[in-house]
Amino acid sequence: MIPFKTDPIQFRQRQLFPTYIFDLLPKDHPCFVFDDIFQMLDTSSVEEQYSP
């Protein structure tokens, strides 16, 4: 049988993903353009409808 992870360091990892995934991307990655656009959107009316 082949073990899932052979390296004990990988086996004992505490995080599956980094805390902030965008830290792994280059600063000129296209996703940051979308992030800027989404930050400018006014979503307050939608949030009011779905907030308790």
Protein backbone atom coordinates (compact mmCIF):
# COMPACT_ATOMS: atom_id res chain seq x y z
CA MET A 1 0.00 0.00 0.00
CA ILE A 2 1.25 3.49 -0.88
CA PRO A 3 0.89 6.08 1.90
CA PHE A 4 -0.96 9.27 1.08
CA LYS A 5 1.92 11.44 2.26
CA THR A 6 5.33 9.99 2.83
CA ASP A 7 7.04 13.06 4.24
CA PRO A 8 6.20 13.54 7.95
CA ILE A 9 6.55 17.31 7.61
CA GLN A 10 3.81 17.42 4.96
CA PHE A 11 1.72 15.03 6.99
CA ARG A 12 1.77 17.34 10.00
CA GLN A 13 0.96 20.54 8.15
CA ARG A 14 -1.36 22.89 10.00
CA GLN A 15 -2.83 24.80 7.08
CA LEU A 16 -4.24 23.50 3.87
CA PHE A 17 -4.21 26.94 2.24
CA PRO A 18 -2.24 30.06 3.04
CA THR A 19 -3.92 32.66 5.20
CA TYR A 20 -4.28 35.13 2.32
CA ILE A 21 -4.19 33.45 -1.09
CA PHE A 22 -3.45 36.71 -2.91
CA ASP A 23 -0.03 36.83 -1.27
CA LEU A 24 1.02 34.04 -3.62
CA LEU A 25 0.11 35.95 -6.77
CA PRO A 26 2.29 38.51 -8.53
CA LYS A 27 1.20 42.11 -7.99
CA ASP A 28 0.35 42.53 -11.69
CA HIS A 29 -1.98 39.51 -11.81
CA PRO A 30 -5.33 40.28 -13.55
CA CYS A 31 -7.34 39.20 -10.53
CA PHE A 32 -6.35 42.41 -8.75
CA VAL A 33 -8.15 44.47 -11.39
CA PHE A 34 -11.35 42.59 -10.60
CA ASP A 35 -10.75 43.01 -6.90
CA ASP A 36 -10.53 46.78 -7.37
CA ILE A 37 -13.72 46.81 -9.42
CA PHE A 38 -15.63 44.71 -6.90
CA GLN A 39 -14.48 46.94 -4.05
CA MET A 40 -16.02 49.94 -5.81
CA LEU A 41 -19.44 48.32 -6.21
CA ASP A 42 -22.16 49.48 -3.87
CA THR A 43 -23.77 46.31 -2.55
CA SER A 44 -25.54 47.86 0.43
CA SER A 45 -29.05 47.42 -1.02
CA VAL A 46 -28.43 43.72 -1.61
CA GLU A 47 -26.87 43.29 1.83
CA GLU A 48 -29.88 44.92 3.46
CA GLN A 49 -32.22 42.39 1.87
CA TYR A 50 -30.21 39.38 2.99
CA SER A 51 -28.99 40.52 6.40
CA PRO A 52 -30.90 39.40 9.49
